[in-house]
PDB file of N, CA and C in Angstrom:
ATOM      1  N   MET A   1      31.450  37.934  42.033  1.00  0.00           N
ATOM      2  CA  MET A   1      31.630  39.023  41.104  1.00  0.00           C
ATOM      3  C   MET A   1      31.212  38.568  39.706  1.00  0.00           C
ATOM      4  N   LEU A   2      30.500  39.425  39.004  1.00  0.00           N
ATOM      5  CA  LEU A   2      30.056  39.114  37.655  1.00  0.00           C
ATOM      6  C   LEU A   2      31.201  39.259  36.666  1.00  0.00           C
ATOM      7  N   SER A   3      31.207  38.389  35.665  1.00  0.00           N
ATOM      8  CA  SER A   3      32.247  38.525  34.651  1.00  0.00           C
ATOM      9  C   SER A   3      31.817  39.557  33.613  1.00  0.00           C
ATOM     10  N   VAL A   4      32.793  40.221  33.041  1.00  0.00           N
ATOM     11  CA  VAL A   4      32.563  41.243  32.021  1.00  0.00           C
ATOM     12  C   VAL A   4      32.997  40.658  30.694  1.00  0.00           C
ATOM     13  N   SER A   5      32.136  40.799  29.682  1.00  0.00           N
ATOM     14  CA  SER A   5      32.466  40.253  28.375  1.00  0.00           C
ATOM     15  C   SER A   5      31.760  41.069  27.296  1.00  0.00           C
ATOM     16  N   VAL A   6      31.951  40.647  26.057  1.00  0.00           N
ATOM     17  CA  VAL A   6      31.269  41.292  24.945  1.00  0.00           C
ATOM     18  C   VAL A   6      29.761  41.259  25.217  1.00  0.00           C
ATOM     19  N   ASN A   7      29.106  42.362  24.957  1.00  0.00           N
ATOM     20  CA  ASN A   7      27.675  42.587  25.148  1.00  0.00           C
ATOM     21  C   ASN A   7      27.299  42.981  26.571  1.00  0.00           C
ATOM     22  N   SER A   8      28.245  42.969  27.508  1.00  0.00           N
ATOM     23  CA  SER A   8      27.939  43.475  28.847  1.00  0.00           C
ATOM     24  C   SER A   8      27.629  44.963  28.738  1.00  0.00           C
ATOM     25  N   ILE A   9      26.717  45.434  29.581  1.00  0.00           N
ATOM     26  CA  ILE A   9      26.403  46.858  29.627  1.00  0.00           C
ATOM     27  C   ILE A   9      27.012  47.417  30.909  1.00  0.00           C
ATOM     28  N   ILE A  10      27.920  48.369  30.726  1.00  0.00           N
ATOM     29  CA  ILE A  10      28.609  49.006  31.836  1.00  0.00           C
ATOM     30  C   ILE A  10      27.941  50.354  32.087  1.00  0.00           C
ATOM     31  N   VAL A  11      27.589  50.625  33.331  1.00  0.00           N
ATOM     32  CA  VAL A  11      26.886  51.857  33.678  1.00  0.00           C
ATOM     33  C   VAL A  11      27.787  52.722  34.558  1.00  0.00           C
ATOM     34  N   THR A  12      27.880  54.003  34.200  1.00  0.00           N
ATOM     35  CA  THR A  12      28.662  54.971  34.956  1.00  0.00           C
ATOM     36  C   THR A  12      27.743  56.116  35.355  1.00  0.00           C
ATOM     37  N   GLU A  13      27.733  56.466  36.652  1.00  0.00           N
ATOM     38  CA  GLU A  13      26.954  57.627  37.068  1.00  0.00           C
ATOM     39  C   GLU A  13      27.785  58.870  36.807  1.00  0.00           C
ATOM     40  N   MET A  14      27.223  59.781  36.024  1.00  0.00           N
ATOM     41  CA  MET A  14      27.910  61.008  35.659  1.00  0.00           C
ATOM     42  C   MET A  14      27.761  62.042  36.777  1.00  0.00           C
ATOM     43  N   PRO A  15      28.618  63.075  36.793  1.00  0.00           N
ATOM     44  CA  PRO A  15      28.556  64.090  37.849  1.00  0.00           C
ATOM     45  C   PRO A  15      27.174  64.736  38.014  1.00  0.00           C
ATOM     46  N   ASP A  16      26.407  64.835  36.911  1.00  0.00           N
ATOM     47  CA  ASP A  16      25.078  65.450  37.009  1.00  0.00           C
ATOM     48  C   ASP A  16      23.994  64.458  37.434  1.00  0.00           C
ATOM     49  N   GLY A  17      24.404  63.217  37.744  1.00  0.00           N
ATOM     50  CA  GLY A  17      23.458  62.216  38.218  1.00  0.00           C
ATOM     51  C   GLY A  17      22.866  61.335  37.126  1.00  0.00           C
ATOM     52  N   THR A  18      23.108  61.677  35.847  1.00  0.00           N
ATOM     53  CA  THR A  18      22.605  60.839  34.759  1.00  0.00           C
ATOM     54  C   THR A  18      23.456  59.581  34.650  1.00  0.00           C
ATOM     55  N   LEU A  19      22.877  58.572  34.050  1.00  0.00           N
ATOM     56  CA  LEU A  19      23.592  57.306  33.877  1.00  0.00           C
ATOM     57  C   LEU A  19      24.043  57.152  32.428  1.00  0.00           C
ATOM     58  N   LEU A  20      25.313  56.846  32.253  1.00  0.00           N
ATOM     59  CA  LEU A  20      25.879  56.556  30.941  1.00  0.00           C
ATOM     60  C   LEU A  20      25.949  55.040  30.815  1.00  0.00           C
ATOM     61  N   ARG A  21      25.184  54.497  29.856  1.00  0.00           N
ATOM     62  CA  ARG A  21      25.150  53.042  29.655  1.00  0.00           C
ATOM     63  C   ARG A  21      25.893  52.713  28.372  1.00  0.00           C
ATOM     64  N   GLN A  22      26.954  51.905  28.510  1.00  0.00           N
ATOM     65  CA  GLN A  22      27.791  51.571  27.366  1.00  0.00           C
ATOM     66  C   GLN A  22      27.904  50.053  27.223  1.00  0.00           C
ATOM     67  N   ARG A  23      27.731  49.596  25.984  1.00  0.00           N
ATOM     68  CA  ARG A  23      27.849  48.167  25.705  1.00  0.00           C
ATOM     69  C   ARG A  23      29.263  47.872  25.207  1.00  0.00           C
ATOM     70  N   ILE A  24      29.814  46.775  25.677  1.00  0.00           N
ATOM     71  CA  ILE A  24      31.114  46.313  25.175  1.00  0.00           C
ATOM     72  C   ILE A  24      30.853  45.592  23.856  1.00  0.00           C
ATOM     73  N   LEU A  25      31.416  46.137  22.783  1.00  0.00           N
ATOM     74  CA  LEU A  25      31.185  45.597  21.438  1.00  0.00           C
ATOM     75  C   LEU A  25      32.223  44.565  21.031  1.00  0.00           C
ATOM     76  N   TRP A  26      33.460  44.791  21.435  1.00  0.00           N
ATOM     77  CA  TRP A  26      34.563  43.944  20.978  1.00  0.00           C
ATOM     78  C   TRP A  26      35.676  43.999  21.999  1.00  0.00           C
ATOM     79  N   VAL A  27      36.298  42.861  22.246  1.00  0.00           N
ATOM     80  CA  VAL A  27      37.476  42.778  23.115  1.00  0.00           C
ATOM     81  C   VAL A  27      38.539  42.021  22.339  1.00  0.00           C
ATOM     82  N   ASP A  28      39.779  42.530  22.369  1.00  0.00           N
ATOM     83  CA  ASP A  28      40.839  41.840  21.629  1.00  0.00           C
ATOM     84  C   ASP A  28      41.117  40.472  22.242  1.00  0.00           C
ATOM     85  N   ASP A  29      41.816  39.634  21.498  1.00  0.00           N
ATOM     86  CA  ASP A  29      42.051  38.252  21.916  1.00  0.00           C
ATOM     87  C   ASP A  29      42.782  38.135  23.252  1.00  0.00           C
ATOM     88  N   GLU A  30      43.610  39.119  23.572  1.00  0.00           N
ATOM     89  CA  GLU A  30      44.358  39.087  24.829  1.00  0.00           C
ATOM     90  C   GLU A  30      43.562  39.670  25.996  1.00  0.00           C
ATOM     91  N   GLY A  31      42.445  40.332  25.700  1.00  0.00           N
ATOM     92  CA  GLY A  31      41.607  40.910  26.747  1.00  0.00           C
ATOM     93  C   GLY A  31      42.140  42.218  27.300  1.00  0.00           C
ATOM     94  N   TYR A  32      42.936  42.944  26.507  1.00  0.00           N
ATOM     95  CA  TYR A  32      43.509  44.211  26.968  1.00  0.00           C
ATOM     96  C   TYR A  32      42.747  45.432  26.448  1.00  0.00           C
ATOM     97  N   ASP A  33      42.229  45.345  25.258  1.00  0.00           N
ATOM     98  CA  ASP A  33      41.626  46.504  24.614  1.00  0.00           C
ATOM     99  C   ASP A  33      40.216  46.166  24.162  1.00  0.00           C
ATOM    100  N   CYS A  34      39.370  47.199  24.082  1.00  0.00           N
ATOM    101  CA  CYS A  34      37.997  46.956  23.657  1.00  0.00           C
ATOM    102  C   CYS A  34      37.395  48.204  23.021  1.00  0.00           C
ATOM    103  N   PHE A  35      36.256  48.018  22.386  1.00  0.00           N
ATOM    104  CA  PHE A  35      35.446  49.117  21.887  1.00  0.00           C
ATOM    105  C   PHE A  35      34.102  49.043  22.589  1.00  0.00           C
ATOM    106  N   ILE A  36      33.596  50.202  22.991  1.00  0.00           N
ATOM    107  CA  ILE A  36      32.302  50.300  23.652  1.00  0.00           C
ATOM    108  C   ILE A  36      31.458  51.343  22.929  1.00  0.00           C
ATOM    109  N   ILE A  37      30.150  51.322  23.185  1.00  0.00           N
ATOM    110  CA  ILE A  37      29.266  52.307  22.563  1.00  0.00           C
ATOM    111  C   ILE A  37      28.154  52.680  23.536  1.00  0.00           C
ATOM    112  N   ASP A  38      27.782  53.940  23.529  1.00  0.00           N
ATOM    113  CA  ASP A  38      26.678  54.451  24.345  1.00  0.00           C
ATOM    114  C   ASP A  38      25.381  53.903  23.753  1.00  0.00           C
ATOM    115  N   ILE A  39      24.649  53.122  24.517  1.00  0.00           N
ATOM    116  CA  ILE A  39      23.439  52.495  23.970  1.00  0.00           C
ATOM    117  C   ILE A  39      22.223  53.416  23.991  1.00  0.00           C
ATOM    118  N   ASP A  40      22.342  54.565  24.631  1.00  0.00           N
ATOM    119  CA  ASP A  40      21.215  55.492  24.697  1.00  0.00           C
ATOM    120  C   ASP A  40      21.325  56.650  23.707  1.00  0.00           C
ATOM    121  N   ASP A  41      22.410  56.693  22.951  1.00  0.00           N
ATOM    122  CA  ASP A  41      22.619  57.760  21.971  1.00  0.00           C
ATOM    123  C   ASP A  41      22.580  57.151  20.574  1.00  0.00           C
ATOM    124  N   GLU A  42      21.543  57.452  19.835  1.00  0.00           N
ATOM    125  CA  GLU A  42      21.377  56.885  18.491  1.00  0.00           C
ATOM    126  C   GLU A  42      22.508  57.264  17.544  1.00  0.00           C
ATOM    127  N   LYS A  43      23.201  58.368  17.807  1.00  0.00           N
ATOM    128  CA  LYS A  43      24.275  58.829  16.936  1.00  0.00           C
ATOM    129  C   LYS A  43      25.662  58.451  17.462  1.00  0.00           C
ATOM    130  N   ALA A  44      25.701  57.666  18.520  1.00  0.00           N
ATOM    131  CA  ALA A  44      26.981  57.297  19.135  1.00  0.00           C
ATOM    132  C   ALA A  44      27.823  56.458  18.186  1.00  0.00           C
ATOM    133  N   LEU A  45      29.122  56.631  18.314  1.00  0.00           N
ATOM    134  CA  LEU A  45      30.082  55.828  17.571  1.00  0.00           C
ATOM    135  C   LEU A  45      30.884  55.001  18.564  1.00  0.00           C
ATOM    136  N   PRO A  46      31.435  53.881  18.129  1.00  0.00           N
ATOM    137  CA  PRO A  46      32.268  53.087  19.034  1.00  0.00           C
ATOM    138  C   PRO A  46      33.458  53.894  19.537  1.00  0.00           C
ATOM    139  N   VAL A  47      33.820  53.653  20.784  1.00  0.00           N
ATOM    140  CA  VAL A  47      34.920  54.349  21.438  1.00  0.00           C
ATOM    141  C   VAL A  47      35.905  53.300  21.956  1.00  0.00           C
ATOM    142  N   TYR A  48      37.187  53.563  21.761  1.00  0.00           N
ATOM    143  CA  TYR A  48      38.241  52.668  22.250  1.00  0.00           C
ATOM    144  C   TYR A  48      38.442  52.855  23.743  1.00  0.00           C
ATOM    145  N   ARG A  49      38.616  51.750  24.475  1.00  0.00           N
ATOM    146  CA  ARG A  49      38.966  51.798  25.896  1.00  0.00           C
ATOM    147  C   ARG A  49      39.897  50.633  26.205  1.00  0.00           C
ATOM    148  N   GLN A  50      40.719  50.808  27.207  1.00  0.00           N
ATOM    149  CA  GLN A  50      41.485  49.674  27.702  1.00  0.00           C
ATOM    150  C   GLN A  50      40.543  48.873  28.596  1.00  0.00           C
ATOM    151  N   PHE A  51      40.505  47.583  28.380  1.00  0.00           N
ATOM    152  CA  PHE A  51      39.592  46.724  29.127  1.00  0.00           C
ATOM    153  C   PHE A  51      39.877  46.818  30.630  1.00  0.00           C
ATOM    154  N   SER A  52      41.135  46.998  30.990  1.00  0.00           N
ATOM    155  CA  SER A  52      41.498  47.080  32.409  1.00  0.00           C
ATOM    156  C   SER A  52      40.860  48.296  33.085  1.00  0.00           C
ATOM    157  N   SER A  53      40.622  49.385  32.331  1.00  0.00           N
ATOM    158  CA  SER A  53      39.995  50.564  32.935  1.00  0.00           C
ATOM    159  C   SER A  53      38.540  50.278  33.300  1.00  0.00           C
ATOM    160  N   ILE A  54      37.888  49.437  32.520  1.00  0.00           N
ATOM    161  CA  ILE A  54      36.516  49.043  32.854  1.00  0.00           C
ATOM    162  C   ILE A  54      36.529  48.193  34.119  1.00  0.00           C
ATOM    163  N   GLN A  55      37.440  47.228  34.162  1.00  0.00           N
ATOM    164  CA  GLN A  55      37.529  46.366  35.342  1.00  0.00           C
ATOM    165  C   GLN A  55      37.863  47.185  36.588  1.00  0.00           C
ATOM    166  N   GLN A  56      38.763  48.157  36.445  1.00  0.00           N
ATOM    167  CA  GLN A  56      39.126  49.023  37.566  1.00  0.00           C
ATOM    168  C   GLN A  56      37.915  49.831  38.039  1.00  0.00           C
ATOM    169  N   GLY A  57      37.139  50.382  37.103  1.00  0.00           N
ATOM    170  CA  GLY A  57      35.937  51.132  37.463  1.00  0.00           C
ATOM    171  C   GLY A  57      34.936  50.277  38.218  1.00  0.00           C
ATOM    172  N   LEU A  58      34.825  49.011  37.820  1.00  0.00           N
ATOM    173  CA  LEU A  58      33.935  48.088  38.524  1.00  0.00           C
ATOM    174  C   LEU A  58      34.474  47.774  39.917  1.00  0.00           C
ATOM    175  N   ASP A  59      35.776  47.509  40.008  1.00  0.00           N
ATOM    176  CA  ASP A  59      36.398  47.194  41.299  1.00  0.00           C
ATOM    177  C   ASP A  59      36.267  48.349  42.282  1.00  0.00           C
ATOM    178  N   GLU A  60      36.379  49.581  41.766  1.00  0.00           N
ATOM    179  CA  GLU A  60      36.319  50.768  42.626  1.00  0.00           C
ATOM    180  C   GLU A  60      34.890  51.300  42.799  1.00  0.00           C
ATOM    181  N   LYS A  61      33.922  50.539  42.305  1.00  0.00           N
ATOM    182  CA  LYS A  61      32.495  50.889  42.430  1.00  0.00           C
ATOM    183  C   LYS A  61      32.130  52.197  41.732  1.00  0.00           C
ATOM    184  N   GLU A  62      32.937  52.609  40.742  1.00  0.00           N
ATOM    185  CA  GLU A  62      32.623  53.791  39.942  1.00  0.00           C
ATOM    186  C   GLU A  62      31.675  53.428  38.801  1.00  0.00           C
ATOM    187  N   GLN A  63      31.628  52.146  38.490  1.00  0.00           N
ATOM    188  CA  GLN A  63      30.777  51.634  37.424  1.00  0.00           C
ATOM    189  C   GLN A  63      30.133  50.354  37.930  1.00  0.00           C
ATOM    190  N   PHE A  64      29.063  49.952  37.265  1.00  0.00           N
ATOM    191  CA  PHE A  64      28.463  48.665  37.591  1.00  0.00           C
ATOM    192  C   PHE A  64      27.917  48.033  36.322  1.00  0.00           C
ATOM    193  N   ILE A  65      27.654  46.752  36.383  1.00  0.00           N
ATOM    194  CA  ILE A  65      27.125  46.013  35.240  1.00  0.00           C
ATOM    195  C   ILE A  65      25.606  46.024  35.334  1.00  0.00           C
ATOM    196  N   GLU A  66      24.956  46.456  34.255  1.00  0.00           N
ATOM    197  CA  GLU A  66      23.494  46.421  34.208  1.00  0.00           C
ATOM    198  C   GLU A  66      23.068  44.987  33.920  1.00  0.00           C
ATOM    199  N   LEU A  67      22.237  44.456  34.780  1.00  0.00           N
ATOM    200  CA  LEU A  67      21.845  43.052  34.655  1.00  0.00           C
ATOM    201  C   LEU A  67      20.697  42.831  33.676  1.00  0.00           C
ATOM    202  N   VAL A  68      19.870  43.847  33.478  1.00  0.00           N
ATOM    203  CA  VAL A  68      18.750  43.726  32.554  1.00  0.00           C
ATOM    204  C   VAL A  68      19.095  44.481  31.278  1.00  0.00           C
ATOM    205  N   ASP A  69      19.193  43.742  30.193  1.00  0.00           N
ATOM    206  CA  ASP A  69      19.534  44.337  28.898  1.00  0.00           C
ATOM    207  C   ASP A  69      18.238  44.742  28.196  1.00  0.00           C
ATOM    208  N   PRO A  70      18.030  46.044  27.981  1.00  0.00           N
ATOM    209  CA  PRO A  70      16.776  46.483  27.370  1.00  0.00           C
ATOM    210  C   PRO A  70      16.614  46.031  25.915  1.00  0.00           C
ATOM    211  N   TYR A  71      17.684  45.586  25.294  1.00  0.00           N
ATOM    212  CA  TYR A  71      17.616  45.167  23.896  1.00  0.00           C
ATOM    213  C   TYR A  71      17.761  43.656  23.736  1.00  0.00           C
ATOM    214  N   PHE A  72      17.749  42.929  24.844  1.00  0.00           N
ATOM    215  CA  PHE A  72      17.922  41.478  24.808  1.00  0.00           C
ATOM    216  C   PHE A  72      16.742  40.811  24.105  1.00  0.00           C
ATOM    217  N   LYS A  73      17.069  39.869  23.254  1.00  0.00           N
ATOM    218  CA  LYS A  73      16.049  39.152  22.505  1.00  0.00           C
ATOM    219  C   LYS A  73      16.550  37.724  22.308  1.00  0.00           C
ATOM    220  N   VAL A  74      15.726  36.754  22.634  1.00  0.00           N
ATOM    221  CA  VAL A  74      16.112  35.355  22.447  1.00  0.00           C
ATOM    222  C   VAL A  74      15.865  34.975  20.991  1.00  0.00           C
ATOM    223  N   ILE A  75      16.937  34.522  20.353  1.00  0.00           N
ATOM    224  CA  ILE A  75      16.845  34.090  18.955  1.00  0.00           C
ATOM    225  C   ILE A  75      17.593  32.766  18.836  1.00  0.00           C
ATOM    226  N   HIS A  76      16.971  31.816  18.187  1.00  0.00           N
ATOM    227  CA  HIS A  76      17.647  30.544  17.928  1.00  0.00           C
ATOM    228  C   HIS A  76      18.625  30.741  16.782  1.00  0.00           C
ATOM    229  N   GLU A  77      19.806  30.193  16.932  1.00  0.00           N
ATOM    230  CA  GLU A  77      20.846  30.423  15.939  1.00  0.00           C
ATOM    231  C   GLU A  77      20.403  30.028  14.529  1.00  0.00           C
ATOM    232  N   GLU A  78      19.646  28.974  14.418  1.00  0.00           N
ATOM    233  CA  GLU A  78      19.212  28.537  13.083  1.00  0.00           C
ATOM    234  C   GLU A  78      18.232  29.532  12.434  1.00  0.00           C
ATOM    235  N   ASP A  79      17.672  30.438  13.231  1.00  0.00           N
ATOM    236  CA  ASP A  79      16.762  31.452  12.690  1.00  0.00           C
ATOM    237  C   ASP A  79      17.487  32.725  12.253  1.00  0.00           C
ATOM    238  N   ILE A  80      18.784  32.802  12.502  1.00  0.00           N
ATOM    239  CA  ILE A  80      19.552  33.993  12.121  1.00  0.00           C
ATOM    240  C   ILE A  80      19.969  33.855  10.660  1.00  0.00           C
ATOM    241  N   PRO A  81      19.597  34.803   9.821  1.00  0.00           N
ATOM    242  CA  PRO A  81      20.000  34.728   8.404  1.00  0.00           C
ATOM    243  C   PRO A  81      21.527  34.720   8.273  1.00  0.00           C
ATOM    244  N   GLU A  82      22.010  33.997   7.302  1.00  0.00           N
ATOM    245  CA  GLU A  82      23.458  33.874   7.085  1.00  0.00           C
ATOM    246  C   GLU A  82      24.113  35.233   6.871  1.00  0.00           C
ATOM    247  N   LYS A  83      23.418  36.154   6.180  1.00  0.00           N
ATOM    248  CA  LYS A  83      24.003  37.476   5.931  1.00  0.00           C
ATOM    249  C   LYS A  83      24.212  38.242   7.248  1.00  0.00           C
ATOM    250  N   HIS A  84      23.377  38.004   8.251  1.00  0.00           N
ATOM    251  CA  HIS A  84      23.567  38.664   9.550  1.00  0.00           C
ATOM    252  C   HIS A  84      24.775  38.085  10.280  1.00  0.00           C
ATOM    253  N   LYS A  85      24.934  36.759  10.203  1.00  0.00           N
ATOM    254  CA  LYS A  85      26.103  36.122  10.822  1.00  0.00           C
ATOM    255  C   LYS A  85      27.383  36.642  10.175  1.00  0.00           C
ATOM    256  N   THR A  86      27.380  36.740   8.855  1.00  0.00           N
ATOM    257  CA  THR A  86      28.539  37.249   8.120  1.00  0.00           C
ATOM    258  C   THR A  86      28.803  38.702   8.500  1.00  0.00           C
ATOM    259  N   GLY A  87      27.738  39.485   8.653  1.00  0.00           N
ATOM    260  CA  GLY A  87      27.877  40.889   9.045  1.00  0.00           C
ATOM    261  C   GLY A  87      28.541  41.053  10.395  1.00  0.00           C
ATOM    262  N   VAL A  88      28.195  40.197  11.345  1.00  0.00           N
ATOM    263  CA  VAL A  88      28.809  40.265  12.677  1.00  0.00           C
ATOM    264  C   VAL A  88      30.305  39.984  12.575  1.00  0.00           C
ATOM    265  N   ILE A  89      30.679  39.014  11.772  1.00  0.00           N
ATOM    266  CA  ILE A  89      32.101  38.700  11.587  1.00  0.00           C
ATOM    267  C   ILE A  89      32.822  39.881  10.946  1.00  0.00           C
ATOM    268  N   LYS A  90      32.200  40.499   9.940  1.00  0.00           N
ATOM    269  CA  LYS A  90      32.815  41.658   9.274  1.00  0.00           C
ATOM    270  C   LYS A  90      33.002  42.813  10.254  1.00  0.00           C
ATOM    271  N   ILE A  91      31.996  43.064  11.083  1.00  0.00           N
ATOM    272  CA  ILE A  91      32.098  44.146  12.067  1.00  0.00           C
ATOM    273  C   ILE A  91      33.227  43.869  13.045  1.00  0.00           C
ATOM    274  N   GLY A  92      33.339  42.624  13.493  1.00  0.00           N
ATOM    275  CA  GLY A  92      34.440  42.257  14.386  1.00  0.00           C
ATOM    276  C   GLY A  92      35.790  42.513  13.745  1.00  0.00           C
ATOM    277  N   ASN A  93      35.896  42.216  12.460  1.00  0.00           N
ATOM    278  CA  ASN A  93      37.144  42.464  11.736  1.00  0.00           C
ATOM    279  C   ASN A  93      37.432  43.958  11.607  1.00  0.00           C
ATOM    280  N   ILE A  94      36.380  44.761  11.451  1.00  0.00           N
ATOM    281  CA  ILE A  94      36.566  46.214  11.382  1.00  0.00           C
ATOM    282  C   ILE A  94      37.114  46.736  12.704  1.00  0.00           C
ATOM    283  N   TYR A  95      36.554  46.277  13.836  1.00  0.00           N
ATOM    284  CA  TYR A  95      37.055  46.706  15.149  1.00  0.00           C
ATOM    285  C   TYR A  95      38.518  46.316  15.314  1.00  0.00           C
ATOM    286  N   LYS A  96      38.844  45.115  14.853  1.00  0.00           N
ATOM    287  CA  LYS A  96      40.235  44.657  14.963  1.00  0.00           C
ATOM    288  C   LYS A  96      41.156  45.569  14.146  1.00  0.00           C
ATOM    289  N   LYS A  97      40.732  45.932  12.931  1.00  0.00           N
ATOM    290  CA  LYS A  97      41.536  46.823  12.088  1.00  0.00           C
ATOM    291  C   LYS A  97      41.661  48.209  12.714  1.00  0.00           C
ATOM    292  N   LEU A  98      40.564  48.720  13.296  1.00  0.00           N
ATOM    293  CA  LEU A  98      40.622  50.023  13.977  1.00  0.00           C
ATOM    294  C   LEU A  98      41.607  49.979  15.138  1.00  0.00           C
ATOM    295  N   PHE A  99      41.567  48.898  15.862  1.00  0.00           N
ATOM    296  CA  PHE A  99      42.478  48.734  16.989  1.00  0.00           C
ATOM    297  C   PHE A  99      43.924  48.720  16.507  1.00  0.00           C
ATOM    298  N   LEU A 100      44.202  47.959  15.463  1.00  0.00           N
ATOM    299  CA  LEU A 100      45.561  47.891  14.935  1.00  0.00           C
ATOM    300  C   LEU A 100      45.998  49.245  14.387  1.00  0.00           C
ATOM    301  N   LEU A 101      45.086  49.970  13.731  1.00  0.00           N
ATOM    302  CA  LEU A 101      45.394  51.299  13.217  1.00  0.00           C
ATOM    303  C   LEU A 101      45.734  52.246  14.364  1.00  0.00           C
ATOM    304  N   LYS A 102      44.989  52.147  15.452  1.00  0.00           N
ATOM    305  CA  LYS A 102      45.208  53.007  16.609  1.00  0.00           C
ATOM    306  C   LYS A 102      46.619  52.793  17.175  1.00  0.00           C
ATOM    307  N   LYS A 103      47.143  51.587  17.051  1.00  0.00           N
ATOM    308  CA  LYS A 103      48.470  51.291  17.581  1.00  0.00           C
ATOM    309  C   LYS A 103      49.586  51.601  16.587  1.00  0.00           C
ATOM    310  N   SER A 104      49.235  51.999  15.370  1.00  0.00           N
ATOM    311  CA  SER A 104      50.272  52.231  14.367  1.00  0.00           C
ATOM    312  C   SER A 104      50.984  53.560  14.629  1.00  0.00           C
ATOM    313  N   PRO A 105      52.289  53.641  14.294  1.00  0.00           N
ATOM    314  CA  PRO A 105      53.045  54.884  14.494  1.00  0.00           C
ATOM    315  C   PRO A 105      52.475  56.059  13.702  1.00  0.00           C
ATOM    316  N   ILE A 106      51.903  55.801  12.532  1.00  0.00           N
ATOM    317  CA  ILE A 106      51.343  56.882  11.714  1.00  0.00           C
ATOM    318  C   ILE A 106      50.187  57.537  12.448  1.00  0.00           C
ATOM    319  N   TYR A 107      49.293  56.724  13.008  1.00  0.00           N
ATOM    320  CA  TYR A 107      48.149  57.260  13.752  1.00  0.00           C
ATOM    321  C   TYR A 107      48.638  58.056  14.948  1.00  0.00           C
ATOM    322  N   LEU A 108      49.590  57.494  15.686  1.00  0.00           N
ATOM    323  CA  LEU A 108      50.088  58.176  16.884  1.00  0.00           C
ATOM    324  C   LEU A 108      50.743  59.501  16.522  1.00  0.00           C
ATOM    325  N   THR A 109      51.501  59.529  15.431  1.00  0.00           N
ATOM    326  CA  THR A 109      52.158  60.759  15.008  1.00  0.00           C
ATOM    327  C   THR A 109      51.115  61.821  14.660  1.00  0.00           C
ATOM    328  N   LYS A 110      50.104  61.436  13.913  1.00  0.00           N
ATOM    329  CA  LYS A 110      49.063  62.398  13.528  1.00  0.00           C
ATOM    330  C   LYS A 110      48.338  62.910  14.758  1.00  0.00           C
ATOM    331  N   LYS A 111      48.035  62.053  15.699  1.00  0.00           N
ATOM    332  CA  LYS A 111      47.344  62.492  16.909  1.00  0.00           C
ATOM    333  C   LYS A 111      48.226  63.445  17.718  1.00  0.00           C
ATOM    334  N   LEU A 112      49.512  63.149  17.828  1.00  0.00           N
ATOM    335  CA  LEU A 112      50.416  64.004  18.600  1.00  0.00           C
ATOM    336  C   LEU A 112      50.590  65.363  17.942  1.00  0.00           C
ATOM    337  N   ASP A 113      50.536  65.363  16.611  1.00  0.00           N
ATOM    338  CA  ASP A 113      50.681  66.625  15.878  1.00  0.00           C
ATOM    339  C   ASP A 113      49.375  67.405  15.829  1.00  0.00           C
ATOM    340  N   GLY A 114      48.318  66.847  16.381  1.00  0.00           N
ATOM    341  CA  GLY A 114      47.020  67.510  16.339  1.00  0.00           C
ATOM    342  C   GLY A 114      46.280  67.303  15.047  1.00  0.00           C
ATOM    343  N   GLY A 115      46.777  66.391  14.182  1.00  0.00           N
ATOM    344  CA  GLY A 115      46.155  66.137  12.881  1.00  0.00           C
ATOM    345  C   GLY A 115      45.124  65.080  12.912  1.00  0.00           C
TER     346      GLY A 115
END
């Protein structure tokens, strides 16, 4: 069985036969929660998912891991500009903050109230 991690592309066949391809952008330190994004929609935003739901979809053959990444590019780490490395760290911190916000009572109250 293939392992699932950050940058894995998870594919789900939709009822109309189209394929939804989503990349795992971030997984929390405990491996319970993650953010994913549709890689075929230029306007897509990250979406929160429980990591276990992805694993369950794979176990039940409702989803599969795409082995060929259409955006894969080999880059030597020393060729990556420092500002890009810093940007990746900042983005990771943003996902972490979004995750923590999602778990806050204020967010839950607003969502329950329809706000």
